[in-house]
Amino acid sequence: MNEIPLEAIPNQKLSVLLDEAWHDITLKTLKNGACVVSIARDGQAVIEGARACPNRALIPYRHAEGDAGNFAFLTEGGDYPQYDQFGTSQRLIYASAEELARIRGNG
């Protein structure tokens, strides 16, 4: 698994090369404090404006993963992602398709 470095700022966009595909990740903090995420893979939108939930896959459907992996916010105590906790008690990780297959018991 790879940890995606995030800054403790409310809105950010970054690009990262994972499994030979560019992933553009946009994180926005809404006025109510909720964090929403958009992910594009090689310029194609995968998810847009989805609520970032703790300890579960950000791409909700396996078919949307394609041949790539998936992302998740790992948080202490099951707290919803909050930008001021990025890099301390909360982190964004990426698991490759091979890692997901092992986790899911079919690889």
C-alpha atoms as a PDB file:
ATOM      1  CA  MET A   1       0.000   0.000   0.000  1.00  0.00           C
ATOM      2  CA  ASN A   2       1.057   3.534  -0.682  1.00  0.00           C
ATOM      3  CA  GLU A   3       0.378   6.521   1.512  1.00  0.00           C
ATOM      4  CA  ILE A   4      -0.606   9.625  -0.432  1.00  0.00           C
ATOM      5  CA  PRO A   5       0.923  12.708   1.210  1.00  0.00           C
ATOM      6  CA  LEU A   6      -1.663  15.322   2.131  1.00  0.00           C
ATOM      7  CA  GLU A   7      -1.236  18.768   3.572  1.00  0.00           C
ATOM      8  CA  ALA A   8      -3.286  19.964   6.537  1.00  0.00           C
ATOM      9  CA  ILE A   9      -5.133  22.524   4.397  1.00  0.00           C
ATOM     10  CA  PRO A  10      -8.870  22.562   3.587  1.00  0.00           C
ATOM     11  CA  ASN A  11      -8.718  22.402  -0.220  1.00  0.00           C
ATOM     12  CA  GLN A  12      -6.054  20.727  -2.284  1.00  0.00           C
ATOM     13  CA  LYS A  13      -5.386  19.032  -5.590  1.00  0.00           C
ATOM     14  CA  LEU A  14      -2.575  16.659  -6.377  1.00  0.00           C
ATOM     15  CA  SER A  15      -1.497  14.244  -9.084  1.00  0.00           C
ATOM     16  CA  VAL A  16       0.212  10.971  -8.328  1.00  0.00           C
ATOM     17  CA  LEU A  17       1.437   8.121 -10.531  1.00  0.00           C
ATOM     18  CA  LEU A  18       0.165   4.782  -9.220  1.00  0.00           C
ATOM     19  CA  ASP A  19       0.161   1.473 -11.093  1.00  0.00           C
ATOM     20  CA  GLU A  20       1.269   3.225 -14.279  1.00  0.00           C
ATOM     21  CA  ALA A  21      -1.747   5.562 -14.241  1.00  0.00           C
ATOM     22  CA  TRP A  22      -1.957   9.219 -13.262  1.00  0.00           C
ATOM     23  CA  HIS A  23      -4.495   9.903 -10.541  1.00  0.00           C
ATOM     24  CA  ASP A  24      -5.701  13.472 -10.032  1.00  0.00           C
ATOM     25  CA  ILE A  25      -7.131  13.818  -6.544  1.00  0.00           C
ATOM     26  CA  THR A  26      -9.113  16.858  -5.433  1.00  0.00           C
ATOM     27  CA  LEU A  27     -10.130  17.314  -1.798  1.00  0.00           C
ATOM     28  CA  LYS A  28     -12.521  20.045  -0.736  1.00  0.00           C
ATOM     29  CA  THR A  29     -13.835  20.953   2.677  1.00  0.00           C
ATOM     30  CA  LEU A  30     -17.445  22.102   2.739  1.00  0.00           C
ATOM     31  CA  LYS A  31     -18.788  24.777   5.092  1.00  0.00           C
ATOM     32  CA  ASN A  32     -20.195  22.068   7.386  1.00  0.00           C
ATOM     33  CA  GLY A  33     -16.694  20.565   7.692  1.00  0.00           C
ATOM     34  CA  ALA A  34     -17.353  17.534   5.494  1.00  0.00           C
ATOM     35  CA  CYS A  35     -14.563  16.490   3.161  1.00  0.00           C
ATOM     36  CA  VAL A  36     -15.480  15.577  -0.413  1.00  0.00           C
ATOM     37  CA  VAL A  37     -13.184  13.938  -2.914  1.00  0.00           C
ATOM     38  CA  SER A  38     -12.951  13.698  -6.681  1.00  0.00           C
ATOM     39  CA  ILE A  39     -10.616  11.267  -8.444  1.00  0.00           C
ATOM     40  CA  ALA A  40      -9.706  11.097 -12.126  1.00  0.00           C
ATOM     41  CA  ARG A  41      -7.535   8.354 -13.614  1.00  0.00           C
ATOM     42  CA  ASP A  42      -5.575   9.305 -16.736  1.00  0.00           C
ATOM     43  CA  GLY A  43      -7.944  12.233 -17.247  1.00  0.00           C
ATOM     44  CA  GLN A  44     -11.154  10.196 -16.872  1.00  0.00           C
ATOM     45  CA  ALA A  45     -13.407  10.957 -13.897  1.00  0.00           C
ATOM     46  CA  VAL A  46     -13.825   8.000 -11.543  1.00  0.00           C
ATOM     47  CA  ILE A  47     -15.690   9.749  -8.715  1.00  0.00           C
ATOM     48  CA  GLU A  48     -16.756  13.359  -8.312  1.00  0.00           C
ATOM     49  CA  GLY A  49     -17.671  15.160  -5.119  1.00  0.00           C
ATOM     50  CA  ALA A  50     -18.119  11.987  -3.059  1.00  0.00           C
ATOM     51  CA  ARG A  51     -18.230  12.270   0.728  1.00  0.00           C
ATOM     52  CA  ALA A  52     -14.978  11.010   2.209  1.00  0.00           C
ATOM     53  CA  CYS A  53     -15.887   8.312   4.714  1.00  0.00           C
ATOM     54  CA  PRO A  54     -13.466   6.729   7.146  1.00  0.00           C
ATOM     55  CA  ASN A  55     -11.886   3.317   6.673  1.00  0.00           C
ATOM     56  CA  ARG A  56     -13.707   2.331   3.479  1.00  0.00           C
ATOM     57  CA  ALA A  57     -12.969   2.383  -0.237  1.00  0.00           C
ATOM     58  CA  LEU A  58     -13.437   5.778  -1.862  1.00  0.00           C
ATOM     59  CA  ILE A  59     -14.299   4.232  -5.236  1.00  0.00           C
ATOM     60  CA  PRO A  60     -17.543   2.505  -4.259  1.00  0.00           C
ATOM     61  CA  TYR A  61     -17.851  -0.040  -7.081  1.00  0.00           C
ATOM     62  CA  ARG A  62     -15.322  -2.654  -8.151  1.00  0.00           C
ATOM     63  CA  HIS A  63     -16.146  -2.144 -11.823  1.00  0.00           C
ATOM     64  CA  ALA A  64     -15.143   1.524 -11.436  1.00  0.00           C
ATOM     65  CA  GLU A  65     -11.728   0.416 -10.156  1.00  0.00           C
ATOM     66  CA  GLY A  66     -11.042  -1.202 -13.533  1.00  0.00           C
ATOM     67  CA  ASP A  67      -7.566  -2.719 -13.550  1.00  0.00           C
ATOM     68  CA  ALA A  68      -6.377  -0.219 -10.957  1.00  0.00           C
ATOM     69  CA  GLY A  69      -6.606  -0.098  -7.192  1.00  0.00           C
ATOM     70  CA  ASN A  70      -8.598   1.963  -4.743  1.00  0.00           C
ATOM     71  CA  PHE A  71      -8.143   4.641  -2.108  1.00  0.00           C
ATOM     72  CA  ALA A  72      -9.258   4.906   1.517  1.00  0.00           C
ATOM     73  CA  PHE A  73      -8.914   7.329   4.386  1.00  0.00           C
ATOM     74  CA  LEU A  74      -7.574   5.595   7.462  1.00  0.00           C
ATOM     75  CA  THR A  75      -8.594   7.473  10.578  1.00  0.00           C
ATOM     76  CA  GLU A  76      -8.266   6.937  14.294  1.00  0.00           C
ATOM     77  CA  GLY A  77     -11.501   6.100  16.066  1.00  0.00           C
ATOM     78  CA  GLY A  78     -13.496   6.010  12.835  1.00  0.00           C
ATOM     79  CA  ASP A  79     -13.589   9.810  12.668  1.00  0.00           C
ATOM     80  CA  TYR A  80     -14.654  11.340   9.384  1.00  0.00           C
ATOM     81  CA  PRO A  81     -11.724  12.888   7.494  1.00  0.00           C
ATOM     82  CA  GLN A  82     -10.925  16.432   8.593  1.00  0.00           C
ATOM     83  CA  TYR A  83      -8.193  18.383   6.837  1.00  0.00           C
ATOM     84  CA  ASP A  84      -6.578  19.557  10.069  1.00  0.00           C
ATOM     85  CA  GLN A  85      -5.846  15.912  10.950  1.00  0.00           C
ATOM     86  CA  PHE A  86      -4.211  14.987   7.636  1.00  0.00           C
ATOM     87  CA  GLY A  87      -0.733  13.656   8.239  1.00  0.00           C
ATOM     88  CA  THR A  88      -1.304  13.149  11.959  1.00  0.00           C
ATOM     89  CA  SER A  89      -4.236  10.904  12.887  1.00  0.00           C
ATOM     90  CA  GLN A  90      -5.635  10.581   9.358  1.00  0.00           C
ATOM     91  CA  ARG A  91      -4.046   9.439   6.139  1.00  0.00           C
ATOM     92  CA  LEU A  92      -5.005   8.628   2.582  1.00  0.00           C
ATOM     93  CA  ILE A  93      -3.791   5.271   1.289  1.00  0.00           C
ATOM     94  CA  TYR A  94      -3.864   3.497  -2.071  1.00  0.00           C
ATOM     95  CA  ALA A  95      -4.038  -0.274  -2.471  1.00  0.00           C
ATOM     96  CA  SER A  96      -3.149  -1.747  -5.866  1.00  0.00           C
ATOM     97  CA  ALA A  97      -5.420  -4.177  -7.684  1.00  0.00           C
ATOM     98  CA  GLU A  98      -3.154  -7.053  -6.572  1.00  0.00           C
ATOM     99  CA  GLU A  99      -3.315  -5.947  -2.940  1.00  0.00           C
ATOM    100  CA  LEU A 100      -7.096  -5.641  -3.128  1.00  0.00           C
ATOM    101  CA  ALA A 101      -7.371  -9.142  -4.600  1.00  0.00           C
ATOM    102  CA  ARG A 102      -5.399 -10.534  -1.643  1.00  0.00           C
ATOM    103  CA  ILE A 103      -7.484  -8.561   0.864  1.00  0.00           C
ATOM    104  CA  ARG A 104     -10.709  -9.730  -0.761  1.00  0.00           C
ATOM    105  CA  GLY A 105      -9.482 -13.336  -0.777  1.00  0.00           C
ATOM    106  CA  ASN A 106      -9.408 -13.831  -4.521  1.00  0.00           C
ATOM    107  CA  GLY A 107      -5.776 -13.331  -5.315  1.00  0.00           C
END
